[in-house]
Every structure is written in C-alpha cells, then in structure tokens.
Amino acid sequence: MNQKNLLEVDWSKIPAPADDGAAAHLKGMTVPPISLIATDDSSVTLSALPGRVVVFAYPRTGEPGKIALVDDWDMIPGARGCTPQTCAFRDLHAELKAAGARYVFGLSTQSNAYQTEMASRLHLPFPVLSDEKLTLTHALDLPTMDVAGLTLIKRLALIVDDGRITHVFYPVFPPDRNAGEPVRCEPLLGEPRRMKCPAHVAILRGAQENERTSG
C-alpha cells in the first residue's frame, strides 16, 4: 500500500491502542547512561542532561509515495500516526520550551540515516534519536511491537527531570494530539485554562512546583 499522504488521517477508522500495562514500570526510573546518535550528528546521553527533557517515541515514520512496511500497517493498533505526532511536536516546540522543557527529542528504532532524511523533510527544530541497536529500549524495557521482523517502540511520551522519568504518557491516541494544540495558560503560578496537551500541562505543573518551592 502506497503512503500518499502521511498527515491526513481519519482517526475514527484507525484502531486505538489499548493500555497493556507495558509502560507502568517507567515512572520513577533513572535513565541509564546510554548515548544515542541524533539527527544533528551529536551523541546524546539523556541521563546526563540537566533540567526537564521531553522524549516522544514512535514505531516508525513513513515516506510519502513509498510502500508501507506491511499491507495492514494502518490496522495495527498504535502503528499509524508517527508523522502527525512528530509534526505536532514540531509545531508546539516553542510552547514546550516556553513551558520549561530544556530539550525535546524524538526517538525510534529507525536508522540515523532514515531519521535524518525525515528530520530535514519535515523541518524539525529538535533532534531525533536512533536506538537502532535497541540499547535504550532494552535497558528501560520500553513497550515494543514486532512487525515484519523489526522491533519497534510503541508510541509513548516521557518527561525526564535531571535523568529521572517523572511522567509517562501511554498509550497515545490520537498521535497528533500528543503534543497538543496551542494551549492558553494563566501566568506561571495560575492554572491552565485548557488542558488539551498532557505533556505541556505536565511541564507547566513541574515549573509551577519548582517556582513554589524555590520562592
């Protein structure tokens, strides 16, 4: 099946992933000191990054006009939507940074070369990390799916504070709402007016707590 348009998806026709409990152990875990190659040619060690880090993981992005990995890709719960999810984080990148995220990363088990083409094509303002050898995936025991002989990370988002996972969003559906629509918020110590973006709200609340405890 050719993937003519990776962004226009009728989510009512796409099966939603179930919460299988495969990410229940992640909150509170310390990220292991594993370095991954990024699309900006840097080597990133998430455990060494100070402050708040947002990491969204996905199975694999497609390429317009190319054949899907398998014919029934769209019918695999949680498979379709990697490009819409990535573009949503792209579009909300400034808002996430303004809310307190020092770093934003994408993560998949695709090769760095594949990711680099995608990052350039989609004009991403953040790096995407390649865990092609499944080093971080296995170390954290991230939820995965096996498709066409490949091990892919199931879609999720992590908030990491000073190397420790403090928030986990799993399962994620629809994917393009993971980063959320632009959120209008009260000043830093106020409450969000519209909570459409779980990652954004978690960042905001973390910033609020830091402000309260430091003040």
C-alpha atoms as a PDB file:
ATOM      1  CA  MET A   1       0.000   0.000   0.000  1.00  0.00           C
ATOM      2  CA  ASN A   2       1.434   3.367  -1.029  1.00  0.00           C
ATOM      3  CA  GLN A   3       1.501   6.072   1.633  1.00  0.00           C
ATOM      4  CA  LYS A   4       0.287   9.026  -0.408  1.00  0.00           C
ATOM      5  CA  ASN A   5      -0.438  11.361   2.491  1.00  0.00           C
ATOM      6  CA  LEU A   6       1.099  10.784   5.903  1.00  0.00           C
ATOM      7  CA  LEU A   7      -0.676  13.660   7.628  1.00  0.00           C
ATOM      8  CA  GLU A   8      -4.343  13.383   6.689  1.00  0.00           C
ATOM      9  CA  VAL A   9      -5.761  10.567   8.793  1.00  0.00           C
ATOM     10  CA  ASP A  10      -9.347   9.756   9.753  1.00  0.00           C
ATOM     11  CA  TRP A  11      -8.688   8.555  13.297  1.00  0.00           C
ATOM     12  CA  SER A  12     -12.199   7.123  13.586  1.00  0.00           C
ATOM     13  CA  LYS A  13     -11.113   4.438  11.136  1.00  0.00           C
ATOM     14  CA  ILE A  14      -7.835   3.655  12.916  1.00  0.00           C
ATOM     15  CA  PRO A  15      -7.810   1.174  15.839  1.00  0.00           C
ATOM     16  CA  ALA A  16      -6.709   2.754  19.112  1.00  0.00           C
ATOM     17  CA  PRO A  17      -4.014   1.027  21.162  1.00  0.00           C
ATOM     18  CA  ALA A  18      -5.018  -0.475  24.498  1.00  0.00           C
ATOM     19  CA  ASP A  19      -3.232   0.147  27.765  1.00  0.00           C
ATOM     20  CA  ASP A  20      -1.456  -3.166  28.169  1.00  0.00           C
ATOM     21  CA  GLY A  21       0.497  -2.026  31.227  1.00  0.00           C
ATOM     22  CA  ALA A  22       3.802  -2.280  29.375  1.00  0.00           C
ATOM     23  CA  ALA A  23       4.875   1.212  30.461  1.00  0.00           C
ATOM     24  CA  ALA A  24       3.660   1.032  34.068  1.00  0.00           C
ATOM     25  CA  HIS A  25       7.177   0.488  35.413  1.00  0.00           C
ATOM     26  CA  LEU A  26       8.762   3.521  33.780  1.00  0.00           C
ATOM     27  CA  LYS A  27       7.714   6.339  36.107  1.00  0.00           C
ATOM     28  CA  GLY A  28      10.441   6.915  38.687  1.00  0.00           C
ATOM     29  CA  MET A  29      13.136   5.050  36.754  1.00  0.00           C
ATOM     30  CA  THR A  30      16.560   6.588  36.304  1.00  0.00           C
ATOM     31  CA  VAL A  31      17.564   6.721  32.651  1.00  0.00           C
ATOM     32  CA  PRO A  32      20.693   4.608  32.096  1.00  0.00           C
ATOM     33  CA  PRO A  33      23.864   6.326  30.787  1.00  0.00           C
ATOM     34  CA  ILE A  34      23.421   5.293  27.154  1.00  0.00           C
ATOM     35  CA  SER A  35      24.463   7.520  24.261  1.00  0.00           C
ATOM     36  CA  LEU A  36      22.417   7.636  21.066  1.00  0.00           C
ATOM     37  CA  ILE A  37      23.240   9.246  17.731  1.00  0.00           C
ATOM     38  CA  ALA A  38      20.989  12.170  16.836  1.00  0.00           C
ATOM     39  CA  THR A  39      19.898  13.698  13.538  1.00  0.00           C
ATOM     40  CA  ASP A  40      22.110  16.759  14.202  1.00  0.00           C
ATOM     41  CA  ASP A  41      25.136  14.404  14.257  1.00  0.00           C
ATOM     42  CA  SER A  42      25.565  14.776  18.012  1.00  0.00           C
ATOM     43  CA  SER A  43      25.727  11.971  20.555  1.00  0.00           C
ATOM     44  CA  VAL A  44      23.038  12.389  23.209  1.00  0.00           C
ATOM     45  CA  THR A  45      23.071  10.848  26.685  1.00  0.00           C
ATOM     46  CA  LEU A  46      19.655  11.559  28.159  1.00  0.00           C
ATOM     47  CA  SER A  47      20.762  10.703  31.691  1.00  0.00           C
ATOM     48  CA  ALA A  48      23.383  13.467  31.591  1.00  0.00           C
ATOM     49  CA  LEU A  49      21.051  16.277  30.519  1.00  0.00           C
ATOM     50  CA  PRO A  50      20.103  18.754  33.270  1.00  0.00           C
ATOM     51  CA  GLY A  51      16.584  20.024  33.725  1.00  0.00           C
ATOM     52  CA  ARG A  52      13.408  18.889  32.020  1.00  0.00           C
ATOM     53  CA  VAL A  53      13.559  16.758  28.871  1.00  0.00           C
ATOM     54  CA  VAL A  54      10.618  15.697  26.695  1.00  0.00           C
ATOM     55  CA  VAL A  55      11.082  12.473  24.719  1.00  0.00           C
ATOM     56  CA  PHE A  56       8.367  11.184  22.419  1.00  0.00           C
ATOM     57  CA  ALA A  57       8.829   7.722  20.958  1.00  0.00           C
ATOM     58  CA  TYR A  58       7.068   6.158  17.996  1.00  0.00           C
ATOM     59  CA  PRO A  59       7.229   2.961  15.876  1.00  0.00           C
ATOM     60  CA  ARG A  60       8.498   4.410  12.570  1.00  0.00           C
ATOM     61  CA  THR A  61       7.786   7.278  10.222  1.00  0.00           C
ATOM     62  CA  GLY A  62       6.931   6.556   6.608  1.00  0.00           C
ATOM     63  CA  GLU A  63       7.973   8.239   3.385  1.00  0.00           C
ATOM     64  CA  PRO A  64       5.421   9.794   1.018  1.00  0.00           C
ATOM     65  CA  GLY A  65       4.836   7.593  -2.013  1.00  0.00           C
ATOM     66  CA  LYS A  66       6.747   4.654  -0.562  1.00  0.00           C
ATOM     67  CA  ILE A  67       5.312   1.241   0.228  1.00  0.00           C
ATOM     68  CA  ALA A  68       4.206   0.752   3.856  1.00  0.00           C
ATOM     69  CA  LEU A  69       6.132  -1.742   5.966  1.00  0.00           C
ATOM     70  CA  VAL A  70       3.201  -4.189   5.758  1.00  0.00           C
ATOM     71  CA  ASP A  71      -0.107  -4.005   3.896  1.00  0.00           C
ATOM     72  CA  ASP A  72      -2.205  -3.777   7.061  1.00  0.00           C
ATOM     73  CA  TRP A  73       0.029  -1.223   8.829  1.00  0.00           C
ATOM     74  CA  ASP A  74      -2.876   1.145   9.494  1.00  0.00           C
ATOM     75  CA  MET A  75      -4.855  -1.623  11.193  1.00  0.00           C
ATOM     76  CA  ILE A  76      -2.147  -2.401  13.742  1.00  0.00           C
ATOM     77  CA  PRO A  77      -3.235  -0.579  16.931  1.00  0.00           C
ATOM     78  CA  GLY A  78      -0.797   2.232  17.606  1.00  0.00           C
ATOM     79  CA  ALA A  79       1.111   1.926  14.333  1.00  0.00           C
ATOM     80  CA  ARG A  80      -0.291   4.703  12.154  1.00  0.00           C
ATOM     81  CA  GLY A  81       0.406   8.322  13.032  1.00  0.00           C
ATOM     82  CA  CYS A  82       4.147   8.726  13.541  1.00  0.00           C
ATOM     83  CA  THR A  83       4.471  11.625  11.108  1.00  0.00           C
ATOM     84  CA  PRO A  84       1.438  13.502  12.514  1.00  0.00           C
ATOM     85  CA  GLN A  85       2.804  13.019  16.040  1.00  0.00           C
ATOM     86  CA  THR A  86       6.229  14.306  15.033  1.00  0.00           C
ATOM     87  CA  CYS A  87       4.772  17.312  13.223  1.00  0.00           C
ATOM     88  CA  ALA A  88       2.647  18.154  16.268  1.00  0.00           C
ATOM     89  CA  PHE A  89       5.774  18.285  18.434  1.00  0.00           C
ATOM     90  CA  ARG A  90       7.419  20.407  15.757  1.00  0.00           C
ATOM     91  CA  ASP A  91       4.528  22.857  15.752  1.00  0.00           C
ATOM     92  CA  LEU A  92       4.382  23.014  19.569  1.00  0.00           C
ATOM     93  CA  HIS A  93       8.139  23.095  20.088  1.00  0.00           C
ATOM     94  CA  ALA A  94       8.286  26.759  21.090  1.00  0.00           C
ATOM     95  CA  GLU A  95       5.393  26.336  23.519  1.00  0.00           C
ATOM     96  CA  LEU A  96       7.008  23.308  25.128  1.00  0.00           C
ATOM     97  CA  LYS A  97      10.277  25.191  25.565  1.00  0.00           C
ATOM     98  CA  ALA A  98       8.441  28.194  26.979  1.00  0.00           C
ATOM     99  CA  ALA A  99       6.701  25.903  29.478  1.00  0.00           C
ATOM    100  CA  GLY A 100      10.017  24.681  30.860  1.00  0.00           C
ATOM    101  CA  ALA A 101      11.367  21.918  28.621  1.00  0.00           C
ATOM    102  CA  ARG A 102      15.100  22.442  28.104  1.00  0.00           C
ATOM    103  CA  TYR A 103      15.271  19.717  25.474  1.00  0.00           C
ATOM    104  CA  VAL A 104      12.828  17.934  23.151  1.00  0.00           C
ATOM    105  CA  PHE A 105      13.725  14.714  21.321  1.00  0.00           C
ATOM    106  CA  GLY A 106      12.039  12.207  19.076  1.00  0.00           C
ATOM    107  CA  LEU A 107      13.029   8.548  19.458  1.00  0.00           C
ATOM    108  CA  SER A 108      12.624   5.473  17.274  1.00  0.00           C
ATOM    109  CA  THR A 109      14.496   2.328  16.292  1.00  0.00           C
ATOM    110  CA  GLN A 110      14.965   3.520  12.718  1.00  0.00           C
ATOM    111  CA  SER A 111      18.459   4.207  11.433  1.00  0.00           C
ATOM    112  CA  ASN A 112      20.075   7.609  11.820  1.00  0.00           C
ATOM    113  CA  ALA A 113      20.220   7.973   8.035  1.00  0.00           C
ATOM    114  CA  TYR A 114      16.473   7.323   7.720  1.00  0.00           C
ATOM    115  CA  GLN A 115      15.694   9.719  10.567  1.00  0.00           C
ATOM    116  CA  THR A 116      17.966  12.430   9.185  1.00  0.00           C
ATOM    117  CA  GLU A 117      16.112  12.479   5.862  1.00  0.00           C
ATOM    118  CA  MET A 118      12.806  12.693   7.723  1.00  0.00           C
ATOM    119  CA  ALA A 119      14.005  15.468  10.029  1.00  0.00           C
ATOM    120  CA  SER A 120      15.157  17.518   7.060  1.00  0.00           C
ATOM    121  CA  ARG A 121      11.966  16.893   5.068  1.00  0.00           C
ATOM    122  CA  LEU A 122       9.720  17.852   7.992  1.00  0.00           C
ATOM    123  CA  HIS A 123      11.917  20.787   9.099  1.00  0.00           C
ATOM    124  CA  LEU A 124      12.159  19.584  12.684  1.00  0.00           C
ATOM    125  CA  PRO A 125      13.560  22.080  15.214  1.00  0.00           C
ATOM    126  CA  PHE A 126      14.700  19.272  17.540  1.00  0.00           C
ATOM    127  CA  PRO A 127      16.894  16.182  17.091  1.00  0.00           C
ATOM    128  CA  VAL A 128      15.575  12.652  16.689  1.00  0.00           C
ATOM    129  CA  LEU A 129      17.480   9.844  18.407  1.00  0.00           C
ATOM    130  CA  SER A 130      18.196   6.495  16.822  1.00  0.00           C
ATOM    131  CA  ASP A 131      18.032   3.400  19.014  1.00  0.00           C
ATOM    132  CA  GLU A 132      18.604   1.107  16.060  1.00  0.00           C
ATOM    133  CA  LYS A 133      20.505  -1.384  18.228  1.00  0.00           C
ATOM    134  CA  LEU A 134      17.704  -1.339  20.848  1.00  0.00           C
ATOM    135  CA  THR A 135      20.176  -0.460  23.599  1.00  0.00           C
ATOM    136  CA  LEU A 136      17.993   2.085  25.401  1.00  0.00           C
ATOM    137  CA  THR A 137      14.811   0.218  24.500  1.00  0.00           C
ATOM    138  CA  HIS A 138      16.018  -2.914  26.267  1.00  0.00           C
ATOM    139  CA  ALA A 139      17.629  -1.053  29.186  1.00  0.00           C
ATOM    140  CA  LEU A 140      14.350   0.714  30.012  1.00  0.00           C
ATOM    141  CA  ASP A 141      12.217  -2.227  28.874  1.00  0.00           C
ATOM    142  CA  LEU A 142      10.166   0.106  26.695  1.00  0.00           C
ATOM    143  CA  PRO A 143       6.951  -1.316  25.238  1.00  0.00           C
ATOM    144  CA  THR A 144       7.579  -2.682  21.761  1.00  0.00           C
ATOM    145  CA  MET A 145       5.862  -4.349  18.833  1.00  0.00           C
ATOM    146  CA  ASP A 146       7.336  -6.730  16.282  1.00  0.00           C
ATOM    147  CA  VAL A 147       6.368  -6.039  12.677  1.00  0.00           C
ATOM    148  CA  ALA A 148       7.915  -7.606   9.574  1.00  0.00           C
ATOM    149  CA  GLY A 149      10.858  -8.871  11.582  1.00  0.00           C
ATOM    150  CA  LEU A 150      11.577  -5.448  13.113  1.00  0.00           C
ATOM    151  CA  THR A 151      11.300  -4.421  16.758  1.00  0.00           C
ATOM    152  CA  LEU A 152       9.545  -1.058  17.017  1.00  0.00           C
ATOM    153  CA  ILE A 153       8.862   1.123  20.048  1.00  0.00           C
ATOM    154  CA  LYS A 154       5.194   1.561  20.841  1.00  0.00           C
ATOM    155  CA  ARG A 155       4.094   5.170  20.891  1.00  0.00           C
ATOM    156  CA  LEU A 156       4.651   6.968  24.186  1.00  0.00           C
ATOM    157  CA  ALA A 157       5.993  10.201  25.642  1.00  0.00           C
ATOM    158  CA  LEU A 158       8.301  10.647  28.615  1.00  0.00           C
ATOM    159  CA  ILE A 159       9.068  13.627  30.792  1.00  0.00           C
ATOM    160  CA  VAL A 160      12.567  13.285  32.249  1.00  0.00           C
ATOM    161  CA  ASP A 161      13.793  15.562  35.050  1.00  0.00           C
ATOM    162  CA  ASP A 162      17.530  15.520  35.718  1.00  0.00           C
ATOM    163  CA  GLY A 163      17.827  11.982  34.389  1.00  0.00           C
ATOM    164  CA  ARG A 164      14.754  10.520  36.118  1.00  0.00           C
ATOM    165  CA  ILE A 165      11.434   9.714  34.417  1.00  0.00           C
ATOM    166  CA  THR A 166       8.733  11.704  36.181  1.00  0.00           C
ATOM    167  CA  HIS A 167       5.789  11.420  33.759  1.00  0.00           C
ATOM    168  CA  VAL A 168       4.761   8.739  31.274  1.00  0.00           C
ATOM    169  CA  PHE A 169       2.057   9.122  28.626  1.00  0.00           C
ATOM    170  CA  TYR A 170       0.993   5.712  27.314  1.00  0.00           C
ATOM    171  CA  PRO A 171      -0.863   4.683  25.296  1.00  0.00           C
ATOM    172  CA  VAL A 172      -1.041   7.696  22.990  1.00  0.00           C
ATOM    173  CA  PHE A 173      -4.045   8.234  20.717  1.00  0.00           C
ATOM    174  CA  PRO A 174      -4.677  10.079  18.509  1.00  0.00           C
ATOM    175  CA  PRO A 175      -0.971  10.636  17.869  1.00  0.00           C
ATOM    176  CA  ASP A 176      -1.307  14.189  16.572  1.00  0.00           C
ATOM    177  CA  ARG A 177      -2.743  15.301  19.913  1.00  0.00           C
ATOM    178  CA  ASN A 178       0.202  14.035  21.942  1.00  0.00           C
ATOM    179  CA  ALA A 179       1.986  17.367  21.775  1.00  0.00           C
ATOM    180  CA  GLY A 180      -1.373  19.136  21.867  1.00  0.00           C
ATOM    181  CA  GLU A 181      -2.938  22.156  20.308  1.00  0.00           C
ATOM    182  CA  PRO A 182      -1.651  25.610  21.318  1.00  0.00           C
ATOM    183  CA  VAL A 183      -2.551  25.964  24.977  1.00  0.00           C
ATOM    184  CA  ARG A 184      -3.537  29.270  26.530  1.00  0.00           C
ATOM    185  CA  CYS A 185      -2.338  29.326  30.113  1.00  0.00           C
ATOM    186  CA  GLU A 186      -2.584  31.664  33.100  1.00  0.00           C
ATOM    187  CA  PRO A 187       0.705  33.107  34.383  1.00  0.00           C
ATOM    188  CA  LEU A 188       3.197  30.577  35.737  1.00  0.00           C
ATOM    189  CA  LEU A 189       1.514  30.134  39.129  1.00  0.00           C
ATOM    190  CA  GLY A 190      -2.009  30.002  37.691  1.00  0.00           C
ATOM    191  CA  GLU A 191      -3.967  27.037  36.439  1.00  0.00           C
ATOM    192  CA  PRO A 192      -4.114  26.100  32.736  1.00  0.00           C
ATOM    193  CA  ARG A 193      -7.298  27.320  31.092  1.00  0.00           C
ATOM    194  CA  ARG A 194      -7.410  24.465  28.585  1.00  0.00           C
ATOM    195  CA  MET A 195      -5.691  21.170  29.283  1.00  0.00           C
ATOM    196  CA  LYS A 196      -5.510  19.710  25.788  1.00  0.00           C
ATOM    197  CA  CYS A 197      -1.820  18.833  25.907  1.00  0.00           C
ATOM    198  CA  PRO A 198      -0.763  16.366  28.628  1.00  0.00           C
ATOM    199  CA  ALA A 199       2.951  16.901  28.004  1.00  0.00           C
ATOM    200  CA  HIS A 200       2.549  20.677  28.053  1.00  0.00           C
ATOM    201  CA  VAL A 201       0.451  20.569  31.235  1.00  0.00           C
ATOM    202  CA  ALA A 202       2.972  18.292  32.972  1.00  0.00           C
ATOM    203  CA  ILE A 203       5.791  20.675  32.065  1.00  0.00           C
ATOM    204  CA  LEU A 204       3.780  23.644  33.291  1.00  0.00           C
ATOM    205  CA  ARG A 205       2.882  21.963  36.567  1.00  0.00           C
ATOM    206  CA  GLY A 206       6.504  20.976  37.141  1.00  0.00           C
ATOM    207  CA  ALA A 207       7.565  24.553  36.557  1.00  0.00           C
ATOM    208  CA  GLN A 208       4.879  25.716  38.978  1.00  0.00           C
ATOM    209  CA  GLU A 209       6.099  23.371  41.702  1.00  0.00           C
ATOM    210  CA  ASN A 210       9.701  24.497  41.197  1.00  0.00           C
ATOM    211  CA  GLU A 211       8.606  28.114  41.470  1.00  0.00           C
ATOM    212  CA  ARG A 212       6.643  27.460  44.662  1.00  0.00           C
ATOM    213  CA  THR A 213       9.422  25.513  46.379  1.00  0.00           C
ATOM    214  CA  SER A 214      12.175  27.932  45.373  1.00  0.00           C
ATOM    215  CA  GLY A 215      10.155  31.026  46.313  1.00  0.00           C
END
